[in-house]
Amino acid sequence: MKLKIDLIKAILLAVEEEDWAAPFEIEIDGYESNDVVYHLFLMDEAGLIRGIDLSSSGGRRYAVDRLTWEGHEFLANSKDETNWERLKKAVATIGDVSFDAAKAGLAGMAHAAVATAIQSTLQ
């Protein structure tokens, strides 16, 4: 199964909207439940979310508990749609890219935007 960067962003947005009360299972419109669960496990491994493996002999399941600091940072950086589309275009041009490289590219664009904004306020 391939890593789907748009699904990762959709999951982070959905988790951000949830009340922080108890772990919950998540569904994302337009994606098969197997894709969502697979990405939840990957996102946990990457340190973007924390949750609970509810898998049994009947299938794979995962309940999200919360976003991590890293998850909040990635989501904040991805909310600038211009930068998000630039990242996706770059990944499509380059081909398969590691998640760390994509995350670093997105953070670099966000840092550049903040630096530019700060410079303009100092002038």
PDB file of N, CA and C in Angstrom:
ATOM      1  N   MET A   1       0.852  -1.174   0.000  1.00  0.00           N
ATOM      2  CA  MET A   1       0.000   0.000   0.000  1.00  0.00           C
ATOM      3  C   MET A   1       0.898   1.237   0.000  1.00  0.00           C
ATOM      4  N   LYS A   2       0.540   2.219  -0.802  1.00  0.00           N
ATOM      5  CA  LYS A   2       1.330   3.445  -0.897  1.00  0.00           C
ATOM      6  C   LYS A   2       0.910   4.459   0.157  1.00  0.00           C
ATOM      7  N   LEU A   3       1.868   5.282   0.533  1.00  0.00           N
ATOM      8  CA  LEU A   3       1.618   6.381   1.460  1.00  0.00           C
ATOM      9  C   LEU A   3       0.815   7.456   0.736  1.00  0.00           C
ATOM     10  N   LYS A   4      -0.280   7.896   1.329  1.00  0.00           N
ATOM     11  CA  LYS A   4      -1.163   8.890   0.716  1.00  0.00           C
ATOM     12  C   LYS A   4      -1.133  10.151   1.573  1.00  0.00           C
ATOM     13  N   ILE A   5      -0.386  11.134   1.110  1.00  0.00           N
ATOM     14  CA  ILE A   5      -0.146  12.353   1.886  1.00  0.00           C
ATOM     15  C   ILE A   5      -1.444  13.133   2.140  1.00  0.00           C
ATOM     16  N   ASP A   6      -2.365  13.131   1.162  1.00  0.00           N
ATOM     17  CA  ASP A   6      -3.642  13.825   1.375  1.00  0.00           C
ATOM     18  C   ASP A   6      -4.479  13.141   2.459  1.00  0.00           C
ATOM     19  N   LEU A   7      -4.379  11.829   2.553  1.00  0.00           N
ATOM     20  CA  LEU A   7      -5.092  11.098   3.602  1.00  0.00           C
ATOM     21  C   LEU A   7      -4.513  11.431   4.971  1.00  0.00           C
ATOM     22  N   ILE A   8      -3.194  11.545   5.048  1.00  0.00           N
ATOM     23  CA  ILE A   8      -2.561  11.919   6.316  1.00  0.00           C
ATOM     24  C   ILE A   8      -3.084  13.281   6.779  1.00  0.00           C
ATOM     25  N   LYS A   9      -3.128  14.237   5.863  1.00  0.00           N
ATOM     26  CA  LYS A   9      -3.637  15.563   6.228  1.00  0.00           C
ATOM     27  C   LYS A   9      -5.111  15.488   6.642  1.00  0.00           C
ATOM     28  N   ALA A  10      -5.907  14.725   5.910  1.00  0.00           N
ATOM     29  CA  ALA A  10      -7.339  14.595   6.238  1.00  0.00           C
ATOM     30  C   ALA A  10      -7.530  13.980   7.621  1.00  0.00           C
ATOM     31  N   ILE A  11      -6.719  12.989   7.956  1.00  0.00           N
ATOM     32  CA  ILE A  11      -6.813  12.360   9.271  1.00  0.00           C
ATOM     33  C   ILE A  11      -6.436  13.365  10.355  1.00  0.00           C
ATOM     34  N   LEU A  12      -5.351  14.092  10.152  1.00  0.00           N
ATOM     35  CA  LEU A  12      -4.929  15.087  11.150  1.00  0.00           C
ATOM     36  C   LEU A  12      -6.008  16.145  11.365  1.00  0.00           C
ATOM     37  N   LEU A  13      -6.621  16.605  10.293  1.00  0.00           N
ATOM     38  CA  LEU A  13      -7.704  17.590  10.410  1.00  0.00           C
ATOM     39  C   LEU A  13      -8.885  17.013  11.192  1.00  0.00           C
ATOM     40  N   ALA A  14      -9.231  15.759  10.908  1.00  0.00           N
ATOM     41  CA  ALA A  14     -10.357  15.118  11.611  1.00  0.00           C
ATOM     42  C   ALA A  14     -10.053  14.953  13.091  1.00  0.00           C
ATOM     43  N   VAL A  15      -8.830  14.562  13.418  1.00  0.00           N
ATOM     44  CA  VAL A  15      -8.463  14.380  14.821  1.00  0.00           C
ATOM     45  C   VAL A  15      -8.459  15.723  15.539  1.00  0.00           C
ATOM     46  N   GLU A  16      -7.980  16.768  14.873  1.00  0.00           N
ATOM     47  CA  GLU A  16      -7.952  18.099  15.478  1.00  0.00           C
ATOM     48  C   GLU A  16      -9.360  18.570  15.848  1.00  0.00           C
ATOM     49  N   GLU A  17     -10.349  18.182  15.082  1.00  0.00           N
ATOM     50  CA  GLU A  17     -11.735  18.603  15.316  1.00  0.00           C
ATOM     51  C   GLU A  17     -12.414  17.862  16.456  1.00  0.00           C
ATOM     52  N   GLU A  18     -11.882  16.722  16.843  1.00  0.00           N
ATOM     53  CA  GLU A  18     -12.507  15.899  17.880  1.00  0.00           C
ATOM     54  C   GLU A  18     -12.285  16.489  19.271  1.00  0.00           C
ATOM     55  N   ASP A  19     -13.265  16.265  20.138  1.00  0.00           N
ATOM     56  CA  ASP A  19     -13.075  16.594  21.553  1.00  0.00           C
ATOM     57  C   ASP A  19     -12.113  15.577  22.141  1.00  0.00           C
ATOM     58  N   TRP A  20     -11.280  16.040  23.039  1.00  0.00           N
ATOM     59  CA  TRP A  20     -10.304  15.140  23.640  1.00  0.00           C
ATOM     60  C   TRP A  20     -10.929  14.504  24.870  1.00  0.00           C
ATOM     61  N   ALA A  21     -11.723  13.458  24.653  1.00  0.00           N
ATOM     62  CA  ALA A  21     -12.405  12.804  25.753  1.00  0.00           C
ATOM     63  C   ALA A  21     -11.987  11.343  25.875  1.00  0.00           C
ATOM     64  N   ALA A  22     -12.094  10.618  24.793  1.00  0.00           N
ATOM     65  CA  ALA A  22     -11.762   9.192  24.809  1.00  0.00           C
ATOM     66  C   ALA A  22     -11.265   8.800  23.425  1.00  0.00           C
ATOM     67  N   PRO A  23     -10.469   7.738  23.330  1.00  0.00           N
ATOM     68  CA  PRO A  23     -10.020   7.275  22.011  1.00  0.00           C
ATOM     69  C   PRO A  23     -11.216   6.984  21.105  1.00  0.00           C
ATOM     70  N   PHE A  24     -11.060   7.255  19.822  1.00  0.00           N
ATOM     71  CA  PHE A  24     -12.159   7.075  18.880  1.00  0.00           C
ATOM     72  C   PHE A  24     -11.633   6.501  17.576  1.00  0.00           C
ATOM     73  N   GLU A  25     -12.499   5.748  16.910  1.00  0.00           N
ATOM     74  CA  GLU A  25     -12.167   5.246  15.583  1.00  0.00           C
ATOM     75  C   GLU A  25     -12.578   6.308  14.574  1.00  0.00           C
ATOM     76  N   ILE A  26     -11.898   6.328  13.453  1.00  0.00           N
ATOM     77  CA  ILE A  26     -12.092   7.415  12.506  1.00  0.00           C
ATOM     78  C   ILE A  26     -12.385   6.875  11.114  1.00  0.00           C
ATOM     79  N   GLU A  27     -13.252   7.582  10.399  1.00  0.00           N
ATOM     80  CA  GLU A  27     -13.542   7.295   8.992  1.00  0.00           C
ATOM     81  C   GLU A  27     -13.303   8.578   8.211  1.00  0.00           C
ATOM     82  N   ILE A  28     -12.752   8.448   7.016  1.00  0.00           N
ATOM     83  CA  ILE A  28     -12.497   9.604   6.158  1.00  0.00           C
ATOM     84  C   ILE A  28     -13.219   9.363   4.838  1.00  0.00           C
ATOM     85  N   ASP A  29     -14.116  10.286   4.478  1.00  0.00           N
ATOM     86  CA  ASP A  29     -14.867  10.165   3.227  1.00  0.00           C
ATOM     87  C   ASP A  29     -13.910  10.046   2.046  1.00  0.00           C
ATOM     88  N   GLY A  30     -14.248   9.127   1.145  1.00  0.00           N
ATOM     89  CA  GLY A  30     -13.461   8.942  -0.063  1.00  0.00           C
ATOM     90  C   GLY A  30     -12.318   7.947   0.072  1.00  0.00           C
ATOM     91  N   TYR A  31     -12.125   7.382   1.276  1.00  0.00           N
ATOM     92  CA  TYR A  31     -11.043   6.429   1.496  1.00  0.00           C
ATOM     93  C   TYR A  31     -11.596   5.150   2.104  1.00  0.00           C
ATOM     94  N   GLU A  32     -11.074   4.022   1.663  1.00  0.00           N
ATOM     95  CA  GLU A  32     -11.441   2.726   2.231  1.00  0.00           C
ATOM     96  C   GLU A  32     -10.961   2.653   3.672  1.00  0.00           C
ATOM     97  N   SER A  33     -11.701   1.944   4.505  1.00  0.00           N
ATOM     98  CA  SER A  33     -11.324   1.839   5.921  1.00  0.00           C
ATOM     99  C   SER A  33      -9.945   1.201   6.090  1.00  0.00           C
ATOM    100  N   ASN A  34      -9.579   0.245   5.215  1.00  0.00           N
ATOM    101  CA  ASN A  34      -8.252  -0.366   5.295  1.00  0.00           C
ATOM    102  C   ASN A  34      -7.148   0.664   5.075  1.00  0.00           C
ATOM    103  N   ASP A  35      -7.354   1.577   4.125  1.00  0.00           N
ATOM    104  CA  ASP A  35      -6.379   2.649   3.878  1.00  0.00           C
ATOM    105  C   ASP A  35      -6.237   3.539   5.106  1.00  0.00           C
ATOM    106  N   VAL A  36      -7.369   3.908   5.695  1.00  0.00           N
ATOM    107  CA  VAL A  36      -7.348   4.793   6.861  1.00  0.00           C
ATOM    108  C   VAL A  36      -6.622   4.118   8.016  1.00  0.00           C
ATOM    109  N   VAL A  37      -6.965   2.876   8.315  1.00  0.00           N
ATOM    110  CA  VAL A  37      -6.339   2.166   9.437  1.00  0.00           C
ATOM    111  C   VAL A  37      -4.842   2.003   9.186  1.00  0.00           C
ATOM    112  N   TYR A  38      -4.458   1.645   7.980  1.00  0.00           N
ATOM    113  CA  TYR A  38      -3.041   1.502   7.642  1.00  0.00           C
ATOM    114  C   TYR A  38      -2.293   2.803   7.911  1.00  0.00           C
ATOM    115  N   HIS A  39      -2.867   3.909   7.478  1.00  0.00           N
ATOM    116  CA  HIS A  39      -2.224   5.209   7.676  1.00  0.00           C
ATOM    117  C   HIS A  39      -2.210   5.618   9.150  1.00  0.00           C
ATOM    118  N   LEU A  40      -3.226   5.224   9.910  1.00  0.00           N
ATOM    119  CA  LEU A  40      -3.213   5.508  11.347  1.00  0.00           C
ATOM    120  C   LEU A  40      -2.032   4.821  12.024  1.00  0.00           C
ATOM    121  N   PHE A  41      -1.783   3.564  11.662  1.00  0.00           N
ATOM    122  CA  PHE A  41      -0.633   2.856  12.226  1.00  0.00           C
ATOM    123  C   PHE A  41       0.673   3.543  11.821  1.00  0.00           C
ATOM    124  N   LEU A  42       0.783   3.926  10.547  1.00  0.00           N
ATOM    125  CA  LEU A  42       1.989   4.620  10.083  1.00  0.00           C
ATOM    126  C   LEU A  42       2.171   5.957  10.798  1.00  0.00           C
ATOM    127  N   MET A  43       1.075   6.687  10.982  1.00  0.00           N
ATOM    128  CA  MET A  43       1.148   7.994  11.635  1.00  0.00           C
ATOM    129  C   MET A  43       1.557   7.859  13.098  1.00  0.00           C
ATOM    130  N   ASP A  44       1.127   6.789  13.741  1.00  0.00           N
ATOM    131  CA  ASP A  44       1.558   6.514  15.107  1.00  0.00           C
ATOM    132  C   ASP A  44       3.067   6.251  15.110  1.00  0.00           C
ATOM    133  N   GLU A  45       3.532   5.408  14.193  1.00  0.00           N
ATOM    134  CA  GLU A  45       4.969   5.112  14.096  1.00  0.00           C
ATOM    135  C   GLU A  45       5.785   6.374  13.827  1.00  0.00           C
ATOM    136  N   ALA A  46       5.225   7.298  13.043  1.00  0.00           N
ATOM    137  CA  ALA A  46       5.926   8.542  12.689  1.00  0.00           C
ATOM    138  C   ALA A  46       5.842   9.585  13.797  1.00  0.00           C
ATOM    139  N   GLY A  47       5.054   9.309  14.837  1.00  0.00           N
ATOM    140  CA  GLY A  47       4.946  10.246  15.948  1.00  0.00           C
ATOM    141  C   GLY A  47       3.970  11.385  15.725  1.00  0.00           C
ATOM    142  N   LEU A  48       3.039  11.229  14.774  1.00  0.00           N
ATOM    143  CA  LEU A  48       2.056  12.277  14.511  1.00  0.00           C
ATOM    144  C   LEU A  48       0.821  12.160  15.401  1.00  0.00           C
ATOM    145  N   ILE A  49       0.481  10.932  15.759  1.00  0.00           N
ATOM    146  CA  ILE A  49      -0.690  10.672  16.600  1.00  0.00           C
ATOM    147  C   ILE A  49      -0.326   9.627  17.652  1.00  0.00           C
ATOM    148  N   ARG A  50      -1.190   9.510  18.656  1.00  0.00           N
ATOM    149  CA  ARG A  50      -1.117   8.428  19.633  1.00  0.00           C
ATOM    150  C   ARG A  50      -2.492   7.782  19.671  1.00  0.00           C
ATOM    151  N   GLY A  51      -2.489   6.481  19.880  1.00  0.00           N
ATOM    152  CA  GLY A  51      -3.754   5.775  19.935  1.00  0.00           C
ATOM    153  C   GLY A  51      -3.584   4.366  20.437  1.00  0.00           C
ATOM    154  N   ILE A  52      -4.580   3.541  20.144  1.00  0.00           N
ATOM    155  CA  ILE A  52      -4.633   2.190  20.671  1.00  0.00           C
ATOM    156  C   ILE A  52      -4.897   1.218  19.523  1.00  0.00           C
ATOM    157  N   ASP A  53      -4.086   0.180  19.457  1.00  0.00           N
ATOM    158  CA  ASP A  53      -4.288  -0.889  18.481  1.00  0.00           C
ATOM    159  C   ASP A  53      -5.438  -1.759  18.985  1.00  0.00           C
ATOM    160  N   LEU A  54      -6.542  -1.773  18.270  1.00  0.00           N
ATOM    161  CA  LEU A  54      -7.711  -2.572  18.638  1.00  0.00           C
ATOM    162  C   LEU A  54      -7.844  -3.803  17.755  1.00  0.00           C
ATOM    163  N   SER A  55      -6.787  -4.156  17.053  1.00  0.00           N
ATOM    164  CA  SER A  55      -6.827  -5.271  16.118  1.00  0.00           C
ATOM    165  C   SER A  55      -7.111  -6.579  16.845  1.00  0.00           C
ATOM    166  N   SER A  56      -7.799  -7.443  16.129  1.00  0.00           N
ATOM    167  CA  SER A  56      -8.092  -8.779  16.644  1.00  0.00           C
ATOM    168  C   SER A  56      -7.996  -9.740  15.472  1.00  0.00           C
ATOM    169  N   SER A  57      -8.341 -10.972  15.708  1.00  0.00           N
ATOM    170  CA  SER A  57      -8.316 -11.944  14.616  1.00  0.00           C
ATOM    171  C   SER A  57      -9.347 -11.591  13.547  1.00  0.00           C
ATOM    172  N   GLY A  58     -10.278 -10.688  13.880  1.00  0.00           N
ATOM    173  CA  GLY A  58     -11.302 -10.267  12.932  1.00  0.00           C
ATOM    174  C   GLY A  58     -10.867  -9.132  12.018  1.00  0.00           C
ATOM    175  N   GLY A  59      -9.713  -8.572  12.245  1.00  0.00           N
ATOM    176  CA  GLY A  59      -9.240  -7.496  11.375  1.00  0.00           C
ATOM    177  C   GLY A  59      -8.456  -6.441  12.130  1.00  0.00           C
ATOM    178  N   ARG A  60      -7.919  -5.501  11.383  1.00  0.00           N
ATOM    179  CA  ARG A  60      -7.102  -4.432  11.940  1.00  0.00           C
ATOM    180  C   ARG A  60      -7.999  -3.244  12.289  1.00  0.00           C
ATOM    181  N   ARG A  61      -7.806  -2.721  13.507  1.00  0.00           N
ATOM    182  CA  ARG A  61      -8.546  -1.536  13.963  1.00  0.00           C
ATOM    183  C   ARG A  61      -7.610  -0.690  14.807  1.00  0.00           C
ATOM    184  N   TYR A  62      -7.872   0.614  14.807  1.00  0.00           N
ATOM    185  CA  TYR A  62      -7.035   1.547  15.560  1.00  0.00           C
ATOM    186  C   TYR A  62      -7.921   2.680  16.064  1.00  0.00           C
ATOM    187  N   ALA A  63      -7.800   3.003  17.339  1.00  0.00           N
ATOM    188  CA  ALA A  63      -8.545   4.124  17.923  1.00  0.00           C
ATOM    189  C   ALA A  63      -7.558   5.251  18.213  1.00  0.00           C
ATOM    190  N   VAL A  64      -7.856   6.430  17.710  1.00  0.00           N
ATOM    191  CA  VAL A  64      -6.995   7.596  17.908  1.00  0.00           C
ATOM    192  C   VAL A  64      -7.260   8.189  19.284  1.00  0.00           C
ATOM    193  N   ASP A  65      -6.192   8.526  19.989  1.00  0.00           N
ATOM    194  CA  ASP A  65      -6.310   9.191  21.274  1.00  0.00           C
ATOM    195  C   ASP A  65      -6.100  10.694  21.111  1.00  0.00           C
ATOM    196  N   ARG A  66      -5.017  11.067  20.386  1.00  0.00           N
ATOM    197  CA  ARG A  66      -4.711  12.497  20.284  1.00  0.00           C
ATOM    198  C   ARG A  66      -3.647  12.741  19.220  1.00  0.00           C
ATOM    199  N   LEU A  67      -3.505  14.015  18.857  1.00  0.00           N
ATOM    200  CA  LEU A  67      -2.366  14.460  18.053  1.00  0.00           C
ATOM    201  C   LEU A  67      -1.175  14.640  18.985  1.00  0.00           C
ATOM    202  N   THR A  68       0.019  14.429  18.475  1.00  0.00           N
ATOM    203  CA  THR A  68       1.233  14.731  19.227  1.00  0.00           C
ATOM    204  C   THR A  68       1.674  16.149  18.866  1.00  0.00           C
ATOM    205  N   TRP A  69       2.711  16.606  19.551  1.00  0.00           N
ATOM    206  CA  TRP A  69       3.295  17.910  19.207  1.00  0.00           C
ATOM    207  C   TRP A  69       3.702  17.911  17.735  1.00  0.00           C
ATOM    208  N   GLU A  70       4.356  16.834  17.315  1.00  0.00           N
ATOM    209  CA  GLU A  70       4.804  16.687  15.925  1.00  0.00           C
ATOM    210  C   GLU A  70       3.611  16.729  14.971  1.00  0.00           C
ATOM    211  N   GLY A  71       2.510  16.088  15.359  1.00  0.00           N
ATOM    212  CA  GLY A  71       1.302  16.092  14.539  1.00  0.00           C
ATOM    213  C   GLY A  71       0.707  17.482  14.403  1.00  0.00           C
ATOM    214  N   HIS A  72       0.683  18.226  15.505  1.00  0.00           N
ATOM    215  CA  HIS A  72       0.187  19.605  15.442  1.00  0.00           C
ATOM    216  C   HIS A  72       1.069  20.462  14.539  1.00  0.00           C
ATOM    217  N   GLU A  73       2.386  20.283  14.631  1.00  0.00           N
ATOM    218  CA  GLU A  73       3.302  21.064  13.792  1.00  0.00           C
ATOM    219  C   GLU A  73       3.106  20.746  12.315  1.00  0.00           C
ATOM    220  N   PHE A  74       3.033  19.451  11.986  1.00  0.00           N
ATOM    221  CA  PHE A  74       2.837  19.077  10.586  1.00  0.00           C
ATOM    222  C   PHE A  74       1.521  19.643  10.069  1.00  0.00           C
ATOM    223  N   LEU A  75       0.472  19.536  10.870  1.00  0.00           N
ATOM    224  CA  LEU A  75      -0.833  20.044  10.451  1.00  0.00           C
ATOM    225  C   LEU A  75      -0.797  21.556  10.267  1.00  0.00           C
ATOM    226  N   ALA A  76      -0.191  22.269  11.192  1.00  0.00           N
ATOM    227  CA  ALA A  76      -0.098  23.730  11.060  1.00  0.00           C
ATOM    228  C   ALA A  76       0.625  24.110   9.774  1.00  0.00           C
ATOM    229  N   ASN A  77       1.718  23.415   9.482  1.00  0.00           N
ATOM    230  CA  ASN A  77       2.478  23.713   8.262  1.00  0.00           C
ATOM    231  C   ASN A  77       1.707  23.352   7.005  1.00  0.00           C
ATOM    232  N   SER A  78       0.830  22.366   7.091  1.00  0.00           N
ATOM    233  CA  SER A  78       0.090  21.918   5.903  1.00  0.00           C
ATOM    234  C   SER A  78      -1.155  22.756   5.620  1.00  0.00           C
ATOM    235  N   LYS A  79      -1.544  23.611   6.548  1.00  0.00           N
ATOM    236  CA  LYS A  79      -2.780  24.383   6.358  1.00  0.00           C
ATOM    237  C   LYS A  79      -2.643  25.510   5.343  1.00  0.00           C
ATOM    238  N   ASP A  80      -1.430  25.921   5.034  1.00  0.00           N
ATOM    239  CA  ASP A  80      -1.229  26.897   3.965  1.00  0.00           C
ATOM    240  C   ASP A  80      -1.386  26.147   2.646  1.00  0.00           C
ATOM    241  N   GLU A  81      -2.523  26.346   1.980  1.00  0.00           N
ATOM    242  CA  GLU A  81      -2.844  25.571   0.778  1.00  0.00           C
ATOM    243  C   GLU A  81      -1.833  25.784  -0.347  1.00  0.00           C
ATOM    244  N   THR A  82      -1.260  26.972  -0.447  1.00  0.00           N
ATOM    245  CA  THR A  82      -0.251  27.221  -1.479  1.00  0.00           C
ATOM    246  C   THR A  82       0.957  26.323  -1.247  1.00  0.00           C
ATOM    247  N   ASN A  83       1.452  26.300  -0.009  1.00  0.00           N
ATOM    248  CA  ASN A  83       2.594  25.449   0.308  1.00  0.00           C
ATOM    249  C   ASN A  83       2.242  23.965   0.159  1.00  0.00           C
ATOM    250  N   TRP A  84       1.026  23.589   0.557  1.00  0.00           N
ATOM    251  CA  TRP A  84       0.608  22.197   0.446  1.00  0.00           C
ATOM    252  C   TRP A  84       0.615  21.753  -1.011  1.00  0.00           C
ATOM    253  N   GLU A  85       0.054  22.580  -1.884  1.00  0.00           N
ATOM    254  CA  GLU A  85       0.024  22.230  -3.310  1.00  0.00           C
ATOM    255  C   GLU A  85       1.426  22.224  -3.910  1.00  0.00           C
ATOM    256  N   ARG A  86       2.287  23.150  -3.467  1.00  0.00           N
ATOM    257  CA  ARG A  86       3.679  23.148  -3.928  1.00  0.00           C
ATOM    258  C   ARG A  86       4.386  21.870  -3.517  1.00  0.00           C
ATOM    259  N   LEU A  87       4.139  21.410  -2.286  1.00  0.00           N
ATOM    260  CA  LEU A  87       4.736  20.166  -1.814  1.00  0.00           C
ATOM    261  C   LEU A  87       4.264  18.994  -2.664  1.00  0.00           C
ATOM    262  N   LYS A  88       2.960  18.899  -2.902  1.00  0.00           N
ATOM    263  CA  LYS A  88       2.420  17.791  -3.683  1.00  0.00           C
ATOM    264  C   LYS A  88       2.960  17.804  -5.111  1.00  0.00           C
ATOM    265  N   LYS A  89       3.095  18.991  -5.694  1.00  0.00           N
ATOM    266  CA  LYS A  89       3.640  19.108  -7.050  1.00  0.00           C
ATOM    267  C   LYS A  89       5.100  18.658  -7.078  1.00  0.00           C
ATOM    268  N   ALA A  90       5.870  19.064  -6.076  1.00  0.00           N
ATOM    269  CA  ALA A  90       7.281  18.669  -6.008  1.00  0.00           C
ATOM    270  C   ALA A  90       7.408  17.157  -5.850  1.00  0.00           C
ATOM    271  N   VAL A  91       6.582  16.568  -4.994  1.00  0.00           N
ATOM    272  CA  VAL A  91       6.626  15.121  -4.789  1.00  0.00           C
ATOM    273  C   VAL A  91       6.249  14.396  -6.079  1.00  0.00           C
ATOM    274  N   ALA A  92       5.240  14.905  -6.786  1.00  0.00           N
ATOM    275  CA  ALA A  92       4.828  14.285  -8.048  1.00  0.00           C
ATOM    276  C   ALA A  92       5.946  14.375  -9.082  1.00  0.00           C
ATOM    277  N   THR A  93       6.698  15.465  -9.079  1.00  0.00           N
ATOM    278  CA  THR A  93       7.794  15.643 -10.029  1.00  0.00           C
ATOM    279  C   THR A  93       8.967  14.729  -9.694  1.00  0.00           C
ATOM    280  N   ILE A  94       9.306  14.658  -8.419  1.00  0.00           N
ATOM    281  CA  ILE A  94      10.460  13.879  -7.974  1.00  0.00           C
ATOM    282  C   ILE A  94      10.150  12.391  -7.972  1.00  0.00           C
ATOM    283  N   GLY A  95       8.939  12.035  -7.624  1.00  0.00           N
ATOM    284  CA  GLY A  95       8.582  10.625  -7.454  1.00  0.00           C
ATOM    285  C   GLY A  95       8.465  10.321  -5.972  1.00  0.00           C
ATOM    286  N   ASP A  96       8.641   9.075  -5.610  1.00  0.00           N
ATOM    287  CA  ASP A  96       8.537   8.694  -4.202  1.00  0.00           C
ATOM    288  C   ASP A  96       9.557   9.447  -3.363  1.00  0.00           C
ATOM    289  N   VAL A  97       9.083  10.036  -2.278  1.00  0.00           N
ATOM    290  CA  VAL A  97       9.911  10.805  -1.357  1.00  0.00           C
ATOM    291  C   VAL A  97       9.598  10.310   0.048  1.00  0.00           C
ATOM    292  N   SER A  98      10.592  10.297   0.903  1.00  0.00           N
ATOM    293  CA  SER A  98      10.336   9.871   2.276  1.00  0.00           C
ATOM    294  C   SER A  98       9.424  10.883   2.963  1.00  0.00           C
ATOM    295  N   PHE A  99       8.707  10.408   3.964  1.00  0.00           N
ATOM    296  CA  PHE A  99       7.831  11.298   4.717  1.00  0.00           C
ATOM    297  C   PHE A  99       8.644  12.381   5.414  1.00  0.00           C
ATOM    298  N   ASP A 100       9.818  12.013   5.936  1.00  0.00           N
ATOM    299  CA  ASP A 100      10.681  13.006   6.589  1.00  0.00           C
ATOM    300  C   ASP A 100      11.082  14.113   5.624  1.00  0.00           C
ATOM    301  N   ALA A 101      11.376  13.748   4.374  1.00  0.00           N
ATOM    302  CA  ALA A 101      11.746  14.761   3.377  1.00  0.00           C
ATOM    303  C   ALA A 101      10.555  15.671   3.066  1.00  0.00           C
ATOM    304  N   ALA A 102       9.370  15.080   2.925  1.00  0.00           N
ATOM    305  CA  ALA A 102       8.169  15.882   2.660  1.00  0.00           C
ATOM    306  C   ALA A 102       7.875  16.806   3.834  1.00  0.00           C
ATOM    307  N   LYS A 103       7.999  16.266   5.048  1.00  0.00           N
ATOM    308  CA  LYS A 103       7.754  17.062   6.258  1.00  0.00           C
ATOM    309  C   LYS A 103       8.754  18.210   6.354  1.00  0.00           C
ATOM    310  N   ALA A 104      10.020  17.929   6.055  1.00  0.00           N
ATOM    311  CA  ALA A 104      11.053  18.970   6.101  1.00  0.00           C
ATOM    312  C   ALA A 104      10.809  20.034   5.040  1.00  0.00           C
ATOM    313  N   GLY A 105      10.395  19.618   3.854  1.00  0.00           N
ATOM    314  CA  GLY A 105      10.098  20.584   2.792  1.00  0.00           C
ATOM    315  C   GLY A 105       8.952  21.502   3.178  1.00  0.00           C
ATOM    316  N   LEU A 106       7.917  20.929   3.750  1.00  0.00           N
ATOM    317  CA  LEU A 106       6.764  21.716   4.188  1.00  0.00           C
ATOM    318  C   LEU A 106       7.155  22.672   5.307  1.00  0.00           C
ATOM    319  N   ALA A 107       7.944  22.180   6.259  1.00  0.00           N
ATOM    320  CA  ALA A 107       8.409  23.043   7.361  1.00  0.00           C
ATOM    321  C   ALA A 107       9.292  24.159   6.824  1.00  0.00           C
ATOM    322  N   GLY A 108      10.143  23.850   5.849  1.00  0.00           N
ATOM    323  CA  GLY A 108      10.999  24.874   5.249  1.00  0.00           C
ATOM    324  C   GLY A 108      10.197  25.982   4.593  1.00  0.00           C
ATOM    325  N   MET A 109       9.140  25.621   3.881  1.00  0.00           N
ATOM    326  CA  MET A 109       8.278  26.626   3.259  1.00  0.00           C
ATOM    327  C   MET A 109       7.586  27.475   4.321  1.00  0.00           C
ATOM    328  N   ALA A 110       7.123  26.836   5.392  1.00  0.00           N
ATOM    329  CA  ALA A 110       6.458  27.575   6.472  1.00  0.00           C
ATOM    330  C   ALA A 110       7.438  28.521   7.150  1.00  0.00           C
ATOM    331  N   HIS A 111       8.659  28.055   7.406  1.00  0.00           N
ATOM    332  CA  HIS A 111       9.674  28.910   8.043  1.00  0.00           C
ATOM    333  C   HIS A 111      10.015  30.103   7.155  1.00  0.00           C
ATOM    334  N   ALA A 112      10.118  29.877   5.855  1.00  0.00           N
ATOM    335  CA  ALA A 112      10.417  30.967   4.924  1.00  0.00           C
ATOM    336  C   ALA A 112       9.291  32.004   4.931  1.00  0.00           C
ATOM    337  N   ALA A 113       8.051  31.545   4.991  1.00  0.00           N
ATOM    338  CA  ALA A 113       6.910  32.467   5.014  1.00  0.00           C
ATOM    339  C   ALA A 113       6.917  33.309   6.286  1.00  0.00           C
ATOM    340  N   VAL A 114       7.237  32.678   7.421  1.00  0.00           N
ATOM    341  CA  VAL A 114       7.299  33.416   8.690  1.00  0.00           C
ATOM    342  C   VAL A 114       8.442  34.424   8.660  1.00  0.00           C
ATOM    343  N   ALA A 115       9.589  34.016   8.156  1.00  0.00           N
ATOM    344  CA  ALA A 115      10.739  34.927   8.078  1.00  0.00           C
ATOM    345  C   ALA A 115      10.423  36.131   7.201  1.00  0.00           C
ATOM    346  N   THR A 116       9.755  35.894   6.081  1.00  0.00           N
ATOM    347  CA  THR A 116       9.368  36.991   5.195  1.00  0.00           C
ATOM    348  C   THR A 116       8.392  37.931   5.886  1.00  0.00           C
ATOM    349  N   ALA A 117       7.426  37.361   6.610  1.00  0.00           N
ATOM    350  CA  ALA A 117       6.459  38.186   7.326  1.00  0.00           C
ATOM    351  C   ALA A 117       7.128  39.027   8.402  1.00  0.00           C
ATOM    352  N   ILE A 118       8.078  38.453   9.107  1.00  0.00           N
ATOM    353  CA  ILE A 118       8.784  39.191  10.149  1.00  0.00           C
ATOM    354  C   ILE A 118       9.611  40.308   9.539  1.00  0.00           C
ATOM    355  N   GLN A 119      10.302  40.015   8.453  1.00  0.00           N
ATOM    356  CA  GLN A 119      11.106  41.030   7.781  1.00  0.00           C
ATOM    357  C   GLN A 119      10.242  42.202   7.315  1.00  0.00           C
ATOM    358  N   SER A 120       9.055  41.900   6.783  1.00  0.00           N
ATOM    359  CA  SER A 120       8.198  42.981   6.287  1.00  0.00           C
ATOM    360  C   SER A 120       7.666  43.854   7.417  1.00  0.00           C
ATOM    361  N   THR A 121       7.496  43.298   8.619  1.00  0.00           N
ATOM    362  CA  THR A 121       7.031  44.107   9.740  1.00  0.00           C
ATOM    363  C   THR A 121       8.139  44.962  10.322  1.00  0.00           C
ATOM    364  N   LEU A 122       9.392  44.591  10.088  1.00  0.00           N
ATOM    365  CA  LEU A 122      10.518  45.352  10.603  1.00  0.00           C
ATOM    366  C   LEU A 122      10.896  46.524   9.718  1.00  0.00           C
ATOM    367  N   GLN A 123      10.351  46.568   8.541  1.00  0.00           N
ATOM    368  CA  GLN A 123      10.718  47.637   7.598  1.00  0.00           C
ATOM    369  C   GLN A 123       9.800  48.824   7.713  1.00  0.00           C
TER     370      GLN A 123
END
